[in-house]
Amino acid sequence: SFDPITLGHLNIIRRAAAIFDRVVVC
């Protein structure tokens, strides 16, 4: 829900982006 997005969320997103070709934040 990202109400709001935090640095914890970004940490997970950044790590997923290093593993996968494409990341969609929904």
PDB file of all heavy atoms in Angstrom:
ATOM      1  N   SER A   1       0.833  -1.208   0.000  1.00  0.00           N
ATOM      2  CA  SER A   1       0.000   0.000   0.000  1.00  0.00           C
ATOM      3  C   SER A   1       0.869   1.259   0.000  1.00  0.00           C
ATOM      4  O   SER A   1       0.414   2.322  -0.399  1.00  0.00           O
ATOM      5  CB  SER A   1      -0.971  -0.004   1.184  1.00  0.00           C
ATOM      6  OG  SER A   1      -0.273  -0.153   2.395  1.00  0.00           O
ATOM      7  N   PHE A   2       2.109   1.165   0.454  1.00  0.00           N
ATOM      8  CA  PHE A   2       3.084   2.260   0.360  1.00  0.00           C
ATOM      9  C   PHE A   2       2.505   3.599   0.825  1.00  0.00           C
ATOM     10  O   PHE A   2       2.526   4.588   0.110  1.00  0.00           O
ATOM     11  CB  PHE A   2       3.639   2.384  -1.062  1.00  0.00           C
ATOM     12  CG  PHE A   2       4.257   1.120  -1.571  1.00  0.00           C
ATOM     13  CD1 PHE A   2       3.629   0.357  -2.559  1.00  0.00           C
ATOM     14  CD2 PHE A   2       5.459   0.662  -1.061  1.00  0.00           C
ATOM     15  CE1 PHE A   2       4.188  -0.822  -3.031  1.00  0.00           C
ATOM     16  CE2 PHE A   2       6.028  -0.527  -1.523  1.00  0.00           C
ATOM     17  CZ  PHE A   2       5.385  -1.264  -2.512  1.00  0.00           C
ATOM     18  N   ASP A   3       2.042   3.621   2.059  1.00  0.00           N
ATOM     19  CA  ASP A   3       1.350   4.799   2.614  1.00  0.00           C
ATOM     20  C   ASP A   3       2.131   5.413   3.775  1.00  0.00           C
ATOM     21  O   ASP A   3       1.614   5.424   4.885  1.00  0.00           O
ATOM     22  CB  ASP A   3      -0.062   4.393   3.044  1.00  0.00           C
ATOM     23  CG  ASP A   3      -0.940   5.581   3.388  1.00  0.00           C
ATOM     24  OD1 ASP A   3      -0.853   6.618   2.700  1.00  0.00           O
ATOM     25  OD2 ASP A   3      -1.704   5.473   4.360  1.00  0.00           O
ATOM     26  N   PRO A   4       3.331   5.919   3.571  1.00  0.00           N
ATOM     27  CA  PRO A   4       4.110   6.125   2.363  1.00  0.00           C
ATOM     28  C   PRO A   4       5.153   5.023   2.163  1.00  0.00           C
ATOM     29  O   PRO A   4       5.350   4.169   3.028  1.00  0.00           O
ATOM     30  CB  PRO A   4       4.813   7.452   2.646  1.00  0.00           C
ATOM     31  CG  PRO A   4       5.117   7.359   4.105  1.00  0.00           C
ATOM     32  CD  PRO A   4       3.913   6.649   4.702  1.00  0.00           C
ATOM     33  N   ILE A   5       5.879   5.091   1.031  1.00  0.00           N
ATOM     34  CA  ILE A   5       6.995   4.195   0.787  1.00  0.00           C
ATOM     35  C   ILE A   5       8.109   4.553   1.770  1.00  0.00           C
ATOM     36  O   ILE A   5       8.338   5.734   2.058  1.00  0.00           O
ATOM     37  CB  ILE A   5       7.470   4.274  -0.674  1.00  0.00           C
ATOM     38  CG1 ILE A   5       8.486   3.158  -0.970  1.00  0.00           C
ATOM     39  CG2 ILE A   5       7.979   5.661  -1.041  1.00  0.00           C
ATOM     40  CD1 ILE A   5       8.777   2.974  -2.451  1.00  0.00           C
ATOM     41  N   THR A   6       8.784   3.543   2.302  1.00  0.00           N
ATOM     42  CA  THR A   6       9.863   3.753   3.274  1.00  0.00           C
ATOM     43  C   THR A   6      11.185   3.259   2.692  1.00  0.00           C
ATOM     44  O   THR A   6      11.213   2.599   1.650  1.00  0.00           O
ATOM     45  CB  THR A   6       9.590   2.988   4.583  1.00  0.00           C
ATOM     46  OG1 THR A   6       9.722   1.579   4.319  1.00  0.00           O
ATOM     47  CG2 THR A   6       8.213   3.310   5.147  1.00  0.00           C
ATOM     48  N   LEU A   7      12.265   3.541   3.406  1.00  0.00           N
ATOM     49  CA  LEU A   7      13.563   3.017   2.984  1.00  0.00           C
ATOM     50  C   LEU A   7      13.602   1.498   3.109  1.00  0.00           C
ATOM     51  O   LEU A   7      14.356   0.839   2.391  1.00  0.00           O
ATOM     52  CB  LEU A   7      14.685   3.666   3.792  1.00  0.00           C
ATOM     53  CG  LEU A   7      14.912   5.148   3.508  1.00  0.00           C
ATOM     54  CD1 LEU A   7      16.062   5.689   4.341  1.00  0.00           C
ATOM     55  CD2 LEU A   7      15.128   5.424   2.032  1.00  0.00           C
ATOM     56  N   GLY A   8      12.809   0.928   3.999  1.00  0.00           N
ATOM     57  CA  GLY A   8      12.697  -0.527   4.087  1.00  0.00           C
ATOM     58  C   GLY A   8      12.088  -1.104   2.819  1.00  0.00           C
ATOM     59  O   GLY A   8      12.578  -2.104   2.274  1.00  0.00           O
ATOM     60  N   HIS A   9      11.016  -0.482   2.320  1.00  0.00           N
ATOM     61  CA  HIS A   9      10.429  -0.909   1.049  1.00  0.00           C
ATOM     62  C   HIS A   9      11.481  -0.810  -0.065  1.00  0.00           C
ATOM     63  O   HIS A   9      11.632  -1.730  -0.876  1.00  0.00           O
ATOM     64  CB  HIS A   9       9.255  -0.011   0.653  1.00  0.00           C
ATOM     65  CG  HIS A   9       8.055  -0.109   1.520  1.00  0.00           C
ATOM     66  ND1 HIS A   9       7.457   0.997   2.070  1.00  0.00           N
ATOM     67  CD2 HIS A   9       7.321  -1.177   1.912  1.00  0.00           C
ATOM     68  CE1 HIS A   9       6.406   0.619   2.767  1.00  0.00           C
ATOM     69  NE2 HIS A   9       6.305  -0.701   2.702  1.00  0.00           N
ATOM     70  N   LEU A  10      12.179   0.315  -0.115  1.00  0.00           N
ATOM     71  CA  LEU A  10      13.179   0.522  -1.171  1.00  0.00           C
ATOM     72  C   LEU A  10      14.309  -0.489  -1.095  1.00  0.00           C
ATOM     73  O   LEU A  10      14.846  -0.907  -2.123  1.00  0.00           O
ATOM     74  CB  LEU A  10      13.746   1.936  -1.096  1.00  0.00           C
ATOM     75  CG  LEU A  10      12.929   2.999  -1.800  1.00  0.00           C
ATOM     76  CD1 LEU A  10      13.573   4.362  -1.646  1.00  0.00           C
ATOM     77  CD2 LEU A  10      12.736   2.669  -3.261  1.00  0.00           C
ATOM     78  N   ASN A  11      14.670  -0.905   0.103  1.00  0.00           N
ATOM     79  CA  ASN A  11      15.708  -1.920   0.267  1.00  0.00           C
ATOM     80  C   ASN A  11      15.275  -3.225  -0.402  1.00  0.00           C
ATOM     81  O   ASN A  11      16.053  -3.849  -1.134  1.00  0.00           O
ATOM     82  CB  ASN A  11      15.998  -2.130   1.760  1.00  0.00           C
ATOM     83  CG  ASN A  11      16.984  -3.232   1.997  1.00  0.00           C
ATOM     84  OD1 ASN A  11      16.603  -4.354   2.311  1.00  0.00           O
ATOM     85  ND2 ASN A  11      18.259  -2.918   1.865  1.00  0.00           N
ATOM     86  N   ILE A  12      14.034  -3.621  -0.203  1.00  0.00           N
ATOM     87  CA  ILE A  12      13.516  -4.843  -0.822  1.00  0.00           C
ATOM     88  C   ILE A  12      13.429  -4.670  -2.343  1.00  0.00           C
ATOM     89  O   ILE A  12      13.824  -5.552  -3.108  1.00  0.00           O
ATOM     90  CB  ILE A  12      12.137  -5.212  -0.232  1.00  0.00           C
ATOM     91  CG1 ILE A  12      12.235  -5.511   1.275  1.00  0.00           C
ATOM     92  CG2 ILE A  12      11.493  -6.364  -1.004  1.00  0.00           C
ATOM     93  CD1 ILE A  12      13.071  -6.710   1.652  1.00  0.00           C
ATOM     94  N   ILE A  13      12.928  -3.519  -2.798  1.00  0.00           N
ATOM     95  CA  ILE A  13      12.797  -3.257  -4.236  1.00  0.00           C
ATOM     96  C   ILE A  13      14.168  -3.267  -4.907  1.00  0.00           C
ATOM     97  O   ILE A  13      14.356  -3.875  -5.967  1.00  0.00           O
ATOM     98  CB  ILE A  13      12.066  -1.918  -4.479  1.00  0.00           C
ATOM     99  CG1 ILE A  13      10.611  -2.022  -4.011  1.00  0.00           C
ATOM    100  CG2 ILE A  13      12.164  -1.492  -5.940  1.00  0.00           C
ATOM    101  CD1 ILE A  13       9.903  -0.684  -3.855  1.00  0.00           C
ATOM    102  N   ARG A  14      15.144  -2.609  -4.303  1.00  0.00           N
ATOM    103  CA  ARG A  14      16.502  -2.557  -4.873  1.00  0.00           C
ATOM    104  C   ARG A  14      17.089  -3.958  -4.992  1.00  0.00           C
ATOM    105  O   ARG A  14      17.678  -4.323  -6.013  1.00  0.00           O
ATOM    106  CB  ARG A  14      17.407  -1.690  -4.003  1.00  0.00           C
ATOM    107  CG  ARG A  14      18.862  -1.620  -4.494  1.00  0.00           C
ATOM    108  CD  ARG A  14      19.787  -0.940  -3.498  1.00  0.00           C
ATOM    109  NE  ARG A  14      19.746  -1.495  -2.153  1.00  0.00           N
ATOM    110  CZ  ARG A  14      20.328  -2.646  -1.787  1.00  0.00           C
ATOM    111  NH1 ARG A  14      20.981  -3.381  -2.661  1.00  0.00           N
ATOM    112  NH2 ARG A  14      20.256  -3.068  -0.538  1.00  0.00           N
ATOM    113  N   ARG A  15      16.910  -4.768  -3.971  1.00  0.00           N
ATOM    114  CA  ARG A  15      17.447  -6.132  -3.994  1.00  0.00           C
ATOM    115  C   ARG A  15      16.731  -6.989  -5.026  1.00  0.00           C
ATOM    116  O   ARG A  15      17.357  -7.797  -5.713  1.00  0.00           O
ATOM    117  CB  ARG A  15      17.387  -6.717  -2.591  1.00  0.00           C
ATOM    118  CG  ARG A  15      18.391  -6.005  -1.675  1.00  0.00           C
ATOM    119  CD  ARG A  15      18.176  -6.236  -0.206  1.00  0.00           C
ATOM    120  NE  ARG A  15      18.056  -7.637   0.141  1.00  0.00           N
ATOM    121  CZ  ARG A  15      17.361  -8.067   1.192  1.00  0.00           C
ATOM    122  NH1 ARG A  15      16.741  -7.224   1.981  1.00  0.00           N
ATOM    123  NH2 ARG A  15      17.298  -9.356   1.460  1.00  0.00           N
ATOM    124  N   ALA A  16      15.419  -6.815  -5.154  1.00  0.00           N
ATOM    125  CA  ALA A  16      14.672  -7.554  -6.184  1.00  0.00           C
ATOM    126  C   ALA A  16      15.151  -7.140  -7.574  1.00  0.00           C
ATOM    127  O   ALA A  16      15.288  -7.984  -8.470  1.00  0.00           O
ATOM    128  CB  ALA A  16      13.176  -7.310  -6.027  1.00  0.00           C
ATOM    129  N   ALA A  17      15.433  -5.853  -7.751  1.00  0.00           N
ATOM    130  CA  ALA A  17      15.896  -5.347  -9.045  1.00  0.00           C
ATOM    131  C   ALA A  17      17.257  -5.930  -9.421  1.00  0.00           C
ATOM    132  O   ALA A  17      17.579  -6.036 -10.611  1.00  0.00           O
ATOM    133  CB  ALA A  17      15.951  -3.824  -9.032  1.00  0.00           C
ATOM    134  N   ALA A  18      18.056  -6.312  -8.434  1.00  0.00           N
ATOM    135  CA  ALA A  18      19.352  -6.932  -8.705  1.00  0.00           C
ATOM    136  C   ALA A  18      19.206  -8.413  -9.074  1.00  0.00           C
ATOM    137  O   ALA A  18      20.098  -8.986  -9.700  1.00  0.00           O
ATOM    138  CB  ALA A  18      20.265  -6.781  -7.483  1.00  0.00           C
ATOM    139  N   ILE A  19      18.085  -9.021  -8.714  1.00  0.00           N
ATOM    140  CA  ILE A  19      17.861 -10.447  -8.965  1.00  0.00           C
ATOM    141  C   ILE A  19      17.069 -10.681 -10.253  1.00  0.00           C
ATOM    142  O   ILE A  19      17.358 -11.612 -11.007  1.00  0.00           O
ATOM    143  CB  ILE A  19      17.103 -11.086  -7.777  1.00  0.00           C
ATOM    144  CG1 ILE A  19      17.938 -11.001  -6.502  1.00  0.00           C
ATOM    145  CG2 ILE A  19      16.720 -12.536  -8.081  1.00  0.00           C
ATOM    146  CD1 ILE A  19      17.158 -11.340  -5.228  1.00  0.00           C
ATOM    147  N   PHE A  20      16.085  -9.832 -10.509  1.00  0.00           N
ATOM    148  CA  PHE A  20      15.167 -10.029 -11.631  1.00  0.00           C
ATOM    149  C   PHE A  20      15.444  -9.042 -12.760  1.00  0.00           C
ATOM    150  O   PHE A  20      15.931  -7.947 -12.526  1.00  0.00           O
ATOM    151  CB  PHE A  20      13.711  -9.874 -11.155  1.00  0.00           C
ATOM    152  CG  PHE A  20      13.266 -10.984 -10.246  1.00  0.00           C
ATOM    153  CD1 PHE A  20      13.458 -10.897  -8.879  1.00  0.00           C
ATOM    154  CD2 PHE A  20      12.677 -12.131 -10.767  1.00  0.00           C
ATOM    155  CE1 PHE A  20      13.066 -11.928  -8.044  1.00  0.00           C
ATOM    156  CE2 PHE A  20      12.280 -13.160  -9.936  1.00  0.00           C
ATOM    157  CZ  PHE A  20      12.474 -13.064  -8.577  1.00  0.00           C
ATOM    158  N   ASP A  21      15.053  -9.456 -13.978  1.00  0.00           N
ATOM    159  CA  ASP A  21      15.209  -8.581 -15.141  1.00  0.00           C
ATOM    160  C   ASP A  21      14.280  -7.376 -15.053  1.00  0.00           C
ATOM    161  O   ASP A  21      14.634  -6.286 -15.478  1.00  0.00           O
ATOM    162  CB  ASP A  21      14.879  -9.346 -16.432  1.00  0.00           C
ATOM    163  CG  ASP A  21      15.814 -10.514 -16.654  1.00  0.00           C
ATOM    164  OD1 ASP A  21      17.031 -10.334 -16.491  1.00  0.00           O
ATOM    165  OD2 ASP A  21      15.326 -11.608 -16.976  1.00  0.00           O
ATOM    166  N   ARG A  22      13.093  -7.617 -14.519  1.00  0.00           N
ATOM    167  CA  ARG A  22      12.074  -6.571 -14.456  1.00  0.00           C
ATOM    168  C   ARG A  22      11.375  -6.638 -13.101  1.00  0.00           C
ATOM    169  O   ARG A  22      11.037  -7.711 -12.622  1.00  0.00           O
ATOM    170  CB  ARG A  22      11.061  -6.807 -15.566  1.00  0.00           C
ATOM    171  CG  ARG A  22       9.929  -5.838 -15.599  1.00  0.00           C
ATOM    172  CD  ARG A  22       8.979  -6.180 -16.736  1.00  0.00           C
ATOM    173  NE  ARG A  22       7.916  -5.201 -16.795  1.00  0.00           N
ATOM    174  CZ  ARG A  22       6.741  -5.435 -17.339  1.00  0.00           C
ATOM    175  NH1 ARG A  22       6.470  -6.605 -17.869  1.00  0.00           N
ATOM    176  NH2 ARG A  22       5.823  -4.501 -17.353  1.00  0.00           N
ATOM    177  N   VAL A  23      11.148  -5.474 -12.518  1.00  0.00           N
ATOM    178  CA  VAL A  23      10.415  -5.376 -11.251  1.00  0.00           C
ATOM    179  C   VAL A  23       9.278  -4.382 -11.450  1.00  0.00           C
ATOM    180  O   VAL A  23       9.492  -3.279 -11.952  1.00  0.00           O
ATOM    181  CB  VAL A  23      11.333  -4.908 -10.091  1.00  0.00           C
ATOM    182  CG1 VAL A  23      10.528  -4.699  -8.820  1.00  0.00           C
ATOM    183  CG2 VAL A  23      12.456  -5.898  -9.862  1.00  0.00           C
ATOM    184  N   VAL A  24       8.086  -4.795 -11.052  1.00  0.00           N
ATOM    185  CA  VAL A  24       6.930  -3.917 -11.075  1.00  0.00           C
ATOM    186  C   VAL A  24       6.507  -3.693  -9.627  1.00  0.00           C
ATOM    187  O   VAL A  24       6.166  -4.648  -8.919  1.00  0.00           O
ATOM    188  CB  VAL A  24       5.756  -4.521 -11.886  1.00  0.00           C
ATOM    189  CG1 VAL A  24       4.540  -3.610 -11.824  1.00  0.00           C
ATOM    190  CG2 VAL A  24       6.178  -4.781 -13.323  1.00  0.00           C
ATOM    191  N   VAL A  25       6.582  -2.448  -9.195  1.00  0.00           N
ATOM    192  CA  VAL A  25       6.092  -2.104  -7.863  1.00  0.00           C
ATOM    193  C   VAL A  25       4.601  -1.817  -8.029  1.00  0.00           C
ATOM    194  O   VAL A  25       4.216  -0.933  -8.790  1.00  0.00           O
ATOM    195  CB  VAL A  25       6.823  -0.877  -7.283  1.00  0.00           C
ATOM    196  CG1 VAL A  25       6.285  -0.543  -5.900  1.00  0.00           C
ATOM    197  CG2 VAL A  25       8.328  -1.122  -7.241  1.00  0.00           C
ATOM    198  N   CYS A  26       3.801  -2.599  -7.345  1.00  0.00           N
ATOM    199  CA  CYS A  26       2.352  -2.505  -7.494  1.00  0.00           C
ATOM    200  C   CYS A  26       1.741  -1.853  -6.265  1.00  0.00           C
ATOM    201  O   CYS A  26       1.771  -2.425  -5.166  1.00  0.00           O
ATOM    202  CB  CYS A  26       1.753  -3.888  -7.711  1.00  0.00           C
ATOM    203  SG  CYS A  26      -0.033  -3.842  -7.925  1.00  0.00           S
TER     204      CYS A  26
END
